[in-house]
PDB file of all heavy atoms in Angstrom:
ATOM      1  N   ALA A   1       0.882  -1.135  -0.047  1.00  0.00           N
ATOM      2  CA  ALA A   1       0.033   0.088  -0.040  1.00  0.00           C
ATOM      3  C   ALA A   1       0.868   1.175  -0.044  1.00  0.00           C
ATOM      4  O   ALA A   1       2.153   1.133   0.243  1.00  0.00           O
ATOM      5  CB  ALA A   1      -0.896  -0.034   1.188  1.00  0.00           C
ATOM      6  N   ARG A   2       0.299   2.335  -0.289  1.00  0.00           N
ATOM      7  CA  ARG A   2       1.037   3.593  -0.268  1.00  0.00           C
ATOM      8  C   ARG A   2       0.252   4.694   0.502  1.00  0.00           C
ATOM      9  O   ARG A   2      -1.086   4.635   0.500  1.00  0.00           O
ATOM     10  CB  ARG A   2       1.363   4.128  -1.607  1.00  0.00           C
ATOM     11  CG  ARG A   2       2.125   3.167  -2.540  1.00  0.00           C
ATOM     12  CD  ARG A   2       2.856   3.821  -3.721  1.00  0.00           C
ATOM     13  NE  ARG A   2       4.059   4.494  -3.273  1.00  0.00           N
ATOM     14  CZ  ARG A   2       5.207   3.767  -3.101  1.00  0.00           C
ATOM     15  NH1 ARG A   2       5.289   2.397  -3.433  1.00  0.00           N
ATOM     16  NH2 ARG A   2       6.272   4.379  -2.848  1.00  0.00           N
ATOM     17  N   SER A   3       0.912   5.611   1.171  1.00  0.00           N
ATOM     18  CA  SER A   3       0.061   6.639   1.901  1.00  0.00           C
ATOM     19  C   SER A   3      -0.255   7.792   0.967  1.00  0.00           C
ATOM     20  O   SER A   3       0.376   8.009  -0.049  1.00  0.00           O
ATOM     21  CB  SER A   3       1.081   7.288   2.992  1.00  0.00           C
ATOM     22  OG  SER A   3       2.264   7.854   2.419  1.00  0.00           O
ATOM     23  N   ASP A   4      -1.381   8.468   1.304  1.00  0.00           N
ATOM     24  CA  ASP A   4      -1.806   9.594   0.305  1.00  0.00           C
ATOM     25  C   ASP A   4      -1.285  10.905   0.876  1.00  0.00           C
ATOM     26  O   ASP A   4      -0.422  10.940   1.793  1.00  0.00           O
ATOM     27  CB  ASP A   4      -3.349   9.528   0.375  1.00  0.00           C
ATOM     28  CG  ASP A   4      -3.987   9.775   1.751  1.00  0.00           C
ATOM     29  OD1 ASP A   4      -3.298  10.332   2.709  1.00  0.00           O
ATOM     30  OD2 ASP A   4      -5.207   9.574   1.883  1.00  0.00           O
ATOM     31  N   SER A   5      -1.765  12.059   0.341  1.00  0.00           N
ATOM     32  CA  SER A   5      -1.307  13.232   0.722  1.00  0.00           C
ATOM     33  C   SER A   5      -1.461  13.760   2.202  1.00  0.00           C
ATOM     34  O   SER A   5      -0.818  14.589   2.628  1.00  0.00           O
ATOM     35  CB  SER A   5      -1.879  14.267  -0.220  1.00  0.00           C
ATOM     36  OG  SER A   5      -3.273  14.400  -0.010  1.00  0.00           O
ATOM     37  N   HIS A   6      -2.393  13.019   2.772  1.00  0.00           N
ATOM     38  CA  HIS A   6      -2.613  13.289   4.293  1.00  0.00           C
ATOM     39  C   HIS A   6      -1.802  12.222   5.128  1.00  0.00           C
ATOM     40  O   HIS A   6      -1.927  12.360   6.317  1.00  0.00           O
ATOM     41  CB  HIS A   6      -4.096  13.226   4.541  1.00  0.00           C
ATOM     42  CG  HIS A   6      -4.910  14.037   3.755  1.00  0.00           C
ATOM     43  ND1 HIS A   6      -4.955  15.516   3.994  1.00  0.00           N
ATOM     44  CD2 HIS A   6      -5.855  13.949   2.731  1.00  0.00           C
ATOM     45  CE1 HIS A   6      -5.802  16.091   3.117  1.00  0.00           C
ATOM     46  NE2 HIS A   6      -6.404  15.117   2.345  1.00  0.00           N
ATOM     47  N   GLY A   7      -1.013  11.436   4.473  1.00  0.00           N
ATOM     48  CA  GLY A   7      -0.243  10.479   5.299  1.00  0.00           C
ATOM     49  C   GLY A   7      -1.033   9.219   5.622  1.00  0.00           C
ATOM     50  O   GLY A   7      -0.566   8.360   6.337  1.00  0.00           O
ATOM     51  N   ASP A   8      -2.299   9.214   5.177  1.00  0.00           N
ATOM     52  CA  ASP A   8      -3.129   8.024   5.480  1.00  0.00           C
ATOM     53  C   ASP A   8      -2.828   6.816   4.644  1.00  0.00           C
ATOM     54  O   ASP A   8      -2.481   6.913   3.476  1.00  0.00           O
ATOM     55  CB  ASP A   8      -4.663   8.483   5.341  1.00  0.00           C
ATOM     56  CG  ASP A   8      -5.231   9.579   6.085  1.00  0.00           C
ATOM     57  OD1 ASP A   8      -4.680   9.574   7.180  1.00  0.00           O
ATOM     58  OD2 ASP A   8      -6.086  10.349   5.664  1.00  0.00           O
ATOM     59  N   TRP A   9      -2.980   5.634   5.331  1.00  0.00           N
ATOM     60  CA  TRP A   9      -2.657   4.436   4.667  1.00  0.00           C
ATOM     61  C   TRP A   9      -3.652   3.319   5.152  1.00  0.00           C
ATOM     62  O   TRP A   9      -4.189   3.366   6.358  1.00  0.00           O
ATOM     63  CB  TRP A   9      -1.242   3.965   4.766  1.00  0.00           C
ATOM     64  CG  TRP A   9      -0.730   3.836   6.300  1.00  0.00           C
ATOM     65  CD1 TRP A   9      -0.242   4.722   7.081  1.00  0.00           C
ATOM     66  CD2 TRP A   9      -0.913   2.558   6.935  1.00  0.00           C
ATOM     67  NE1 TRP A   9      -0.113   4.316   8.365  1.00  0.00           N
ATOM     68  CE2 TRP A   9      -0.426   2.945   8.260  1.00  0.00           C
ATOM     69  CE3 TRP A   9      -1.362   1.309   6.855  1.00  0.00           C
ATOM     70  CZ2 TRP A   9      -0.371   2.082   9.293  1.00  0.00           C
ATOM     71  CZ3 TRP A   9      -1.325   0.422   7.878  1.00  0.00           C
ATOM     72  CH2 TRP A   9      -0.812   0.719   9.126  1.00  0.00           C
ATOM     73  N   THR A  10      -3.994   2.308   4.367  1.00  0.00           N
ATOM     74  CA  THR A  10      -4.719   1.187   4.777  1.00  0.00           C
ATOM     75  C   THR A  10      -4.286  -0.103   4.186  1.00  0.00           C
ATOM     76  O   THR A  10      -3.794  -0.150   2.988  1.00  0.00           O
ATOM     77  CB  THR A  10      -6.214   1.471   4.091  1.00  0.00           C
ATOM     78  OG1 THR A  10      -6.790   2.535   4.608  1.00  0.00           O
ATOM     79  CG2 THR A  10      -7.130   0.246   4.602  1.00  0.00           C
ATOM     80  N   ILE A  11      -4.228  -1.039   5.026  1.00  0.00           N
ATOM     81  CA  ILE A  11      -3.818  -2.466   4.665  1.00  0.00           C
ATOM     82  C   ILE A  11      -5.158  -3.327   4.652  1.00  0.00           C
ATOM     83  O   ILE A  11      -5.840  -3.431   5.706  1.00  0.00           O
ATOM     84  CB  ILE A  11      -2.785  -3.052   5.490  1.00  0.00           C
ATOM     85  CG1 ILE A  11      -1.492  -2.368   5.354  1.00  0.00           C
ATOM     86  CG2 ILE A  11      -2.718  -4.621   5.278  1.00  0.00           C
ATOM     87  CD1 ILE A  11      -0.709  -2.739   3.955  1.00  0.00           C
ATOM     88  N   GLN A  12      -5.491  -3.926   3.565  1.00  0.00           N
ATOM     89  CA  GLN A  12      -6.792  -4.646   3.537  1.00  0.00           C
ATOM     90  C   GLN A  12      -6.724  -6.093   4.163  1.00  0.00           C
ATOM     91  O   GLN A  12      -7.503  -6.561   4.845  1.00  0.00           O
ATOM     92  CB  GLN A  12      -7.216  -4.804   2.001  1.00  0.00           C
ATOM     93  CG  GLN A  12      -7.254  -3.487   1.276  1.00  0.00           C
ATOM     94  CD  GLN A  12      -8.456  -2.731   1.620  1.00  0.00           C
ATOM     95  OE1 GLN A  12      -9.530  -3.088   2.200  1.00  0.00           O
ATOM     96  NE2 GLN A  12      -8.405  -1.354   1.186  1.00  0.00           N
ATOM     97  N   ASN A  13      -5.581  -6.723   3.795  1.00  0.00           N
ATOM     98  CA  ASN A  13      -5.351  -8.142   4.172  1.00  0.00           C
ATOM     99  C   ASN A  13      -4.645  -8.253   5.542  1.00  0.00           C
ATOM    100  O   ASN A  13      -3.533  -8.066   5.702  1.00  0.00           O
ATOM    101  CB  ASN A  13      -4.544  -8.812   3.118  1.00  0.00           C
ATOM    102  CG  ASN A  13      -4.338 -10.296   3.533  1.00  0.00           C
ATOM    103  OD1 ASN A  13      -5.039 -10.897   4.281  1.00  0.00           O
ATOM    104  ND2 ASN A  13      -3.179 -10.887   2.758  1.00  0.00           N
ATOM    105  N   ILE A  14      -5.486  -8.439   6.592  1.00  0.00           N
ATOM    106  CA  ILE A  14      -4.885  -8.514   7.992  1.00  0.00           C
ATOM    107  C   ILE A  14      -4.153  -9.826   8.193  1.00  0.00           C
ATOM    108  O   ILE A  14      -4.715 -10.958   8.128  1.00  0.00           O
ATOM    109  CB  ILE A  14      -5.925  -8.264   8.972  1.00  0.00           C
ATOM    110  CG1 ILE A  14      -6.534  -6.932   8.853  1.00  0.00           C
ATOM    111  CG2 ILE A  14      -5.407  -8.499  10.370  1.00  0.00           C
ATOM    112  CD1 ILE A  14      -7.607  -6.588   9.932  1.00  0.00           C
ATOM    113  N   GLU A  15      -2.924  -9.786   8.609  1.00  0.00           N
ATOM    114  CA  GLU A  15      -2.070 -10.880   9.118  1.00  0.00           C
ATOM    115  C   GLU A  15      -1.413 -10.319  10.342  1.00  0.00           C
ATOM    116  O   GLU A  15      -0.340  -9.908  10.280  1.00  0.00           O
ATOM    117  CB  GLU A  15      -1.065 -11.492   8.052  1.00  0.00           C
ATOM    118  CG  GLU A  15      -1.843 -12.030   6.850  1.00  0.00           C
ATOM    119  CD  GLU A  15      -0.893 -12.883   6.016  1.00  0.00           C
ATOM    120  OE1 GLU A  15       0.209 -13.271   6.531  1.00  0.00           O
ATOM    121  OE2 GLU A  15      -1.254 -13.243   4.838  1.00  0.00           O
ATOM    122  N   LEU A  16      -2.065 -10.609  11.463  1.00  0.00           N
ATOM    123  CA  LEU A  16      -1.622  -9.948  12.801  1.00  0.00           C
ATOM    124  C   LEU A  16      -0.305 -10.552  13.138  1.00  0.00           C
ATOM    125  O   LEU A  16       0.451  -9.957  13.898  1.00  0.00           O
ATOM    126  CB  LEU A  16      -2.718 -10.178  13.809  1.00  0.00           C
ATOM    127  CG  LEU A  16      -3.927  -9.448  13.587  1.00  0.00           C
ATOM    128  CD1 LEU A  16      -4.857  -9.653  14.780  1.00  0.00           C
ATOM    129  CD2 LEU A  16      -3.649  -7.913  13.481  1.00  0.00           C
ATOM    130  N   GLU A  17       0.168 -11.696  12.614  1.00  0.00           N
ATOM    131  CA  GLU A  17       1.467 -12.267  12.962  1.00  0.00           C
ATOM    132  C   GLU A  17       2.539 -11.672  11.940  1.00  0.00           C
ATOM    133  O   GLU A  17       3.647 -12.105  12.139  1.00  0.00           O
ATOM    134  CB  GLU A  17       1.463 -13.734  12.851  1.00  0.00           C
ATOM    135  CG  GLU A  17       0.474 -14.402  13.869  1.00  0.00           C
ATOM    136  CD  GLU A  17       0.765 -13.983  15.343  1.00  0.00           C
ATOM    137  OE1 GLU A  17       2.015 -13.954  15.648  1.00  0.00           O
ATOM    138  OE2 GLU A  17      -0.202 -13.711  16.019  1.00  0.00           O
ATOM    139  N   GLY A  18       2.198 -10.916  11.104  1.00  0.00           N
ATOM    140  CA  GLY A  18       3.140 -10.376  10.209  1.00  0.00           C
ATOM    141  C   GLY A  18       3.665  -9.123  10.649  1.00  0.00           C
ATOM    142  O   GLY A  18       3.550  -8.653  11.773  1.00  0.00           O
ATOM    143  N   THR A  19       4.585  -8.507   9.686  1.00  0.00           N
ATOM    144  CA  THR A  19       5.307  -7.311  10.111  1.00  0.00           C
ATOM    145  C   THR A  19       5.062  -6.231   8.917  1.00  0.00           C
ATOM    146  O   THR A  19       5.019  -6.373   7.834  1.00  0.00           O
ATOM    147  CB  THR A  19       6.858  -7.483  10.018  1.00  0.00           C
ATOM    148  OG1 THR A  19       7.132  -8.488  11.018  1.00  0.00           O
ATOM    149  CG2 THR A  19       7.593  -6.242  10.357  1.00  0.00           C
ATOM    150  N   LEU A  20       4.732  -4.987   9.495  1.00  0.00           N
ATOM    151  CA  LEU A  20       4.520  -3.918   8.536  1.00  0.00           C
ATOM    152  C   LEU A  20       5.887  -3.148   8.321  1.00  0.00           C
ATOM    153  O   LEU A  20       6.584  -2.899   9.367  1.00  0.00           O
ATOM    154  CB  LEU A  20       3.550  -2.848   9.231  1.00  0.00           C
ATOM    155  CG  LEU A  20       2.089  -3.210   9.267  1.00  0.00           C
ATOM    156  CD1 LEU A  20       1.282  -2.262  10.033  1.00  0.00           C
ATOM    157  CD2 LEU A  20       1.518  -3.372   7.814  1.00  0.00           C
ATOM    158  N   ILE A  21       6.220  -2.890   7.130  1.00  0.00           N
ATOM    159  CA  ILE A  21       7.511  -2.195   6.697  1.00  0.00           C
ATOM    160  C   ILE A  21       7.122  -0.943   6.005  1.00  0.00           C
ATOM    161  O   ILE A  21       6.462  -0.818   5.071  1.00  0.00           O
ATOM    162  CB  ILE A  21       8.376  -3.069   5.859  1.00  0.00           C
ATOM    163  CG1 ILE A  21       8.492  -4.490   6.505  1.00  0.00           C
ATOM    164  CG2 ILE A  21       9.615  -2.456   5.489  1.00  0.00           C
ATOM    165  CD1 ILE A  21       9.244  -5.495   5.623  1.00  0.00           C
ATOM    166  N   PHE A  22       7.766   0.227   6.589  1.00  0.00           N
ATOM    167  CA  PHE A  22       7.432   1.557   6.091  1.00  0.00           C
ATOM    168  C   PHE A  22       8.704   1.910   5.305  1.00  0.00           C
ATOM    169  O   PHE A  22       9.843   2.135   5.955  1.00  0.00           O
ATOM    170  CB  PHE A  22       6.958   2.546   7.117  1.00  0.00           C
ATOM    171  CG  PHE A  22       5.779   2.175   7.630  1.00  0.00           C
ATOM    172  CD1 PHE A  22       5.695   1.247   8.766  1.00  0.00           C
ATOM    173  CD2 PHE A  22       4.632   2.733   7.319  1.00  0.00           C
ATOM    174  CE1 PHE A  22       4.500   0.818   9.354  1.00  0.00           C
ATOM    175  CE2 PHE A  22       3.322   2.390   7.917  1.00  0.00           C
ATOM    176  CZ  PHE A  22       3.326   1.484   8.900  1.00  0.00           C
ATOM    177  N   LYS A  23       8.695   2.367   4.012  1.00  0.00           N
ATOM    178  CA  LYS A  23       9.830   2.944   3.272  1.00  0.00           C
ATOM    179  C   LYS A  23       9.485   4.141   2.477  1.00  0.00           C
ATOM    180  O   LYS A  23       8.433   4.198   1.921  1.00  0.00           O
ATOM    181  CB  LYS A  23      10.260   1.740   2.284  1.00  0.00           C
ATOM    182  CG  LYS A  23      10.719   0.490   2.885  1.00  0.00           C
ATOM    183  CD  LYS A  23      11.179  -0.510   1.748  1.00  0.00           C
ATOM    184  CE  LYS A  23      11.720  -1.834   2.361  1.00  0.00           C
ATOM    185  NZ  LYS A  23      12.159  -2.734   1.229  1.00  0.00           N
ATOM    186  N   LYS A  24      10.447   5.029   2.579  1.00  0.00           N
ATOM    187  CA  LYS A  24      10.328   6.262   1.820  1.00  0.00           C
ATOM    188  C   LYS A  24      11.715   6.870   1.549  1.00  0.00           C
ATOM    189  O   LYS A  24      12.470   6.865   2.461  1.00  0.00           O
ATOM    190  CB  LYS A  24       9.500   7.271   2.434  1.00  0.00           C
ATOM    191  CG  LYS A  24       9.332   8.629   1.605  1.00  0.00           C
ATOM    192  CD  LYS A  24       8.241   9.618   2.253  1.00  0.00           C
ATOM    193  CE  LYS A  24       8.225  10.940   1.378  1.00  0.00           C
ATOM    194  NZ  LYS A  24       7.790  10.739   0.064  1.00  0.00           N
ATOM    195  N   ALA A  25      12.086   7.317   0.399  1.00  0.00           N
ATOM    196  CA  ALA A  25      13.334   7.886  -0.030  1.00  0.00           C
ATOM    197  C   ALA A  25      13.619   9.092   0.929  1.00  0.00           C
ATOM    198  O   ALA A  25      12.760   9.937   1.062  1.00  0.00           O
ATOM    199  CB  ALA A  25      13.423   8.260  -1.444  1.00  0.00           C
ATOM    200  N   GLY A  26      14.821   9.070   1.573  1.00  0.00           N
ATOM    201  CA  GLY A  26      15.254  10.166   2.458  1.00  0.00           C
ATOM    202  C   GLY A  26      14.781  10.000   3.844  1.00  0.00           C
ATOM    203  O   GLY A  26      15.144  10.787   4.687  1.00  0.00           O
ATOM    204  N   TYR A  27      14.236   8.812   4.152  1.00  0.00           N
ATOM    205  CA  TYR A  27      13.883   8.512   5.625  1.00  0.00           C
ATOM    206  C   TYR A  27      14.378   7.031   5.862  1.00  0.00           C
ATOM    207  O   TYR A  27      14.641   6.334   4.882  1.00  0.00           O
ATOM    208  CB  TYR A  27      12.355   8.600   5.724  1.00  0.00           C
ATOM    209  CG  TYR A  27      11.814   9.906   5.562  1.00  0.00           C
ATOM    210  CD1 TYR A  27      11.629  10.434   4.389  1.00  0.00           C
ATOM    211  CD2 TYR A  27      11.499  10.573   6.692  1.00  0.00           C
ATOM    212  CE1 TYR A  27      11.113  11.779   4.226  1.00  0.00           C
ATOM    213  CE2 TYR A  27      10.963  11.949   6.608  1.00  0.00           C
ATOM    214  CZ  TYR A  27      10.806  12.458   5.372  1.00  0.00           C
ATOM    215  OH  TYR A  27      10.283  13.784   5.345  1.00  0.00           O
ATOM    216  N   LEU A  28      14.631   6.735   7.174  1.00  0.00           N
ATOM    217  CA  LEU A  28      15.016   5.522   7.525  1.00  0.00           C
ATOM    218  C   LEU A  28      13.806   4.446   7.550  1.00  0.00           C
ATOM    219  O   LEU A  28      12.703   5.001   7.878  1.00  0.00           O
ATOM    220  CB  LEU A  28      15.655   5.467   8.932  1.00  0.00           C
ATOM    221  CG  LEU A  28      17.011   6.349   9.119  1.00  0.00           C
ATOM    222  CD1 LEU A  28      17.433   6.238  10.543  1.00  0.00           C
ATOM    223  CD2 LEU A  28      17.978   5.786   8.094  1.00  0.00           C
ATOM    224  N   ASN A  29      14.047   3.284   7.058  1.00  0.00           N
ATOM    225  CA  ASN A  29      13.018   2.294   7.071  1.00  0.00           C
ATOM    226  C   ASN A  29      12.508   2.002   8.557  1.00  0.00           C
ATOM    227  O   ASN A  29      13.304   2.030   9.475  1.00  0.00           O
ATOM    228  CB  ASN A  29      13.375   0.916   6.409  1.00  0.00           C
ATOM    229  CG  ASN A  29      13.693   1.195   4.926  1.00  0.00           C
ATOM    230  OD1 ASN A  29      13.244   2.192   4.429  1.00  0.00           O
ATOM    231  ND2 ASN A  29      14.413   0.256   4.463  1.00  0.00           N
ATOM    232  N   LYS A  30      11.312   1.568   8.672  1.00  0.00           N
ATOM    233  CA  LYS A  30      10.736   1.171  10.058  1.00  0.00           C
ATOM    234  C   LYS A  30       9.938  -0.105   9.922  1.00  0.00           C
ATOM    235  O   LYS A  30       9.242  -0.232   8.990  1.00  0.00           O
ATOM    236  CB  LYS A  30       9.915   2.299  10.652  1.00  0.00           C
ATOM    237  CG  LYS A  30       9.268   1.915  12.033  1.00  0.00           C
ATOM    238  CD  LYS A  30       8.686   3.054  12.659  1.00  0.00           C
ATOM    239  CE  LYS A  30       9.600   3.930  13.413  1.00  0.00           C
ATOM    240  NZ  LYS A  30       8.939   4.900  14.427  1.00  0.00           N
ATOM    241  N   ARG A  31      10.199  -1.006  10.856  1.00  0.00           N
ATOM    242  CA  ARG A  31       9.530  -2.284  10.870  1.00  0.00           C
ATOM    243  C   ARG A  31       8.745  -2.339  12.134  1.00  0.00           C
ATOM    244  O   ARG A  31       9.306  -2.106  13.273  1.00  0.00           O
ATOM    245  CB  ARG A  31      10.514  -3.470  10.804  1.00  0.00           C
ATOM    246  CG  ARG A  31      11.313  -3.565   9.568  1.00  0.00           C
ATOM    247  CD  ARG A  31      12.433  -4.684   9.650  1.00  0.00           C
ATOM    248  NE  ARG A  31      11.747  -5.897   9.706  1.00  0.00           N
ATOM    249  CZ  ARG A  31      11.401  -6.714   8.705  1.00  0.00           C
ATOM    250  NH1 ARG A  31      11.683  -6.291   7.443  1.00  0.00           N
ATOM    251  NH2 ARG A  31      10.955  -7.822   8.845  1.00  0.00           N
ATOM    252  N   ILE A  32       7.373  -2.754  12.126  1.00  0.00           N
ATOM    253  CA  ILE A  32       6.522  -2.780  13.186  1.00  0.00           C
ATOM    254  C   ILE A  32       5.645  -4.057  13.176  1.00  0.00           C
ATOM    255  O   ILE A  32       5.062  -4.301  12.145  1.00  0.00           O
ATOM    256  CB  ILE A  32       5.683  -1.565  13.376  1.00  0.00           C
ATOM    257  CG1 ILE A  32       6.396  -0.333  13.434  1.00  0.00           C
ATOM    258  CG2 ILE A  32       4.738  -1.638  14.565  1.00  0.00           C
ATOM    259  CD1 ILE A  32       5.595   0.965  13.412  1.00  0.00           C
ATOM    260  N   PRO A  33       5.550  -4.871  14.249  1.00  0.00           N
ATOM    261  CA  PRO A  33       4.586  -5.959  14.237  1.00  0.00           C
ATOM    262  C   PRO A  33       3.270  -5.454  13.902  1.00  0.00           C
ATOM    263  O   PRO A  33       2.740  -4.474  14.623  1.00  0.00           O
ATOM    264  CB  PRO A  33       4.803  -6.550  15.693  1.00  0.00           C
ATOM    265  CG  PRO A  33       6.146  -6.168  16.130  1.00  0.00           C
ATOM    266  CD  PRO A  33       6.350  -4.737  15.526  1.00  0.00           C
ATOM    267  N   ALA A  34       2.592  -6.049  12.924  1.00  0.00           N
ATOM    268  CA  ALA A  34       1.259  -5.630  12.462  1.00  0.00           C
ATOM    269  C   ALA A  34       0.186  -5.556  13.699  1.00  0.00           C
ATOM    270  O   ALA A  34      -0.640  -4.615  13.773  1.00  0.00           O
ATOM    271  CB  ALA A  34       0.751  -6.624  11.409  1.00  0.00           C
ATOM    272  N   LYS A  35       0.301  -6.512  14.692  1.00  0.00           N
ATOM    273  CA  LYS A  35      -0.662  -6.487  15.692  1.00  0.00           C
ATOM    274  C   LYS A  35      -0.462  -5.441  16.753  1.00  0.00           C
ATOM    275  O   LYS A  35      -1.325  -5.185  17.570  1.00  0.00           O
ATOM    276  CB  LYS A  35      -0.691  -7.906  16.408  1.00  0.00           C
ATOM    277  CG  LYS A  35       0.646  -8.347  17.058  1.00  0.00           C
ATOM    278  CD  LYS A  35       0.432  -9.680  17.719  1.00  0.00           C
ATOM    279  CE  LYS A  35       1.762 -10.106  18.481  1.00  0.00           C
ATOM    280  NZ  LYS A  35       1.622 -11.507  18.954  1.00  0.00           N
ATOM    281  N   HIS A  36       0.791  -4.715  16.666  1.00  0.00           N
ATOM    282  CA  HIS A  36       1.100  -3.643  17.578  1.00  0.00           C
ATOM    283  C   HIS A  36       1.152  -2.307  16.876  1.00  0.00           C
ATOM    284  O   HIS A  36       1.706  -1.413  17.489  1.00  0.00           O
ATOM    285  CB  HIS A  36       2.407  -3.960  18.281  1.00  0.00           C
ATOM    286  CG  HIS A  36       2.377  -5.186  19.164  1.00  0.00           C
ATOM    287  ND1 HIS A  36       1.409  -5.398  20.035  1.00  0.00           N
ATOM    288  CD2 HIS A  36       3.174  -6.282  19.151  1.00  0.00           C
ATOM    289  CE1 HIS A  36       1.636  -6.560  20.649  1.00  0.00           C
ATOM    290  NE2 HIS A  36       2.677  -7.085  20.144  1.00  0.00           N
ATOM    291  N   ALA A  37       0.751  -2.280  15.710  1.00  0.00           N
ATOM    292  CA  ALA A  37       0.882  -0.969  14.851  1.00  0.00           C
ATOM    293  C   ALA A  37       0.029   0.152  15.558  1.00  0.00           C
ATOM    294  O   ALA A  37      -1.199   0.031  15.695  1.00  0.00           O
ATOM    295  CB  ALA A  37       0.332  -1.226  13.437  1.00  0.00           C
ATOM    296  N   PRO A  38       0.725   1.227  15.900  1.00  0.00           N
ATOM    297  CA  PRO A  38      -0.056   2.373  16.393  1.00  0.00           C
ATOM    298  C   PRO A  38      -0.733   3.150  15.330  1.00  0.00           C
ATOM    299  O   PRO A  38      -0.507   2.899  14.115  1.00  0.00           O
ATOM    300  CB  PRO A  38       1.079   3.212  17.077  1.00  0.00           C
ATOM    301  CG  PRO A  38       2.259   2.908  16.213  1.00  0.00           C
ATOM    302  CD  PRO A  38       2.205   1.456  15.792  1.00  0.00           C
ATOM    303  N   GLY A  39      -1.536   4.060  15.746  1.00  0.00           N
ATOM    304  CA  GLY A  39      -2.414   4.850  14.751  1.00  0.00           C
ATOM    305  C   GLY A  39      -1.422   5.786  14.010  1.00  0.00           C
ATOM    306  O   GLY A  39      -1.733   6.176  12.782  1.00  0.00           O
ATOM    307  N   VAL A  40      -0.437   6.327  14.621  1.00  0.00           N
ATOM    308  CA  VAL A  40       0.512   7.320  14.076  1.00  0.00           C
ATOM    309  C   VAL A  40       1.871   6.750  14.028  1.00  0.00           C
ATOM    310  O   VAL A  40       2.486   6.420  15.028  1.00  0.00           O
ATOM    311  CB  VAL A  40       0.488   8.605  14.875  1.00  0.00           C
ATOM    312  CG1 VAL A  40       1.507   9.636  14.292  1.00  0.00           C
ATOM    313  CG2 VAL A  40      -0.921   9.321  14.759  1.00  0.00           C
TER     314      VAL A  40
END
């Protein structure tokens, strides 16, 4: 998925045992367990 102009993002397929990975040029990558993903 990709974030929009407001920074909003949505993942449709929930796999709570998986890991969310955030990537953007000019920023450090971040990995977060899906089941512990905060709102911000």
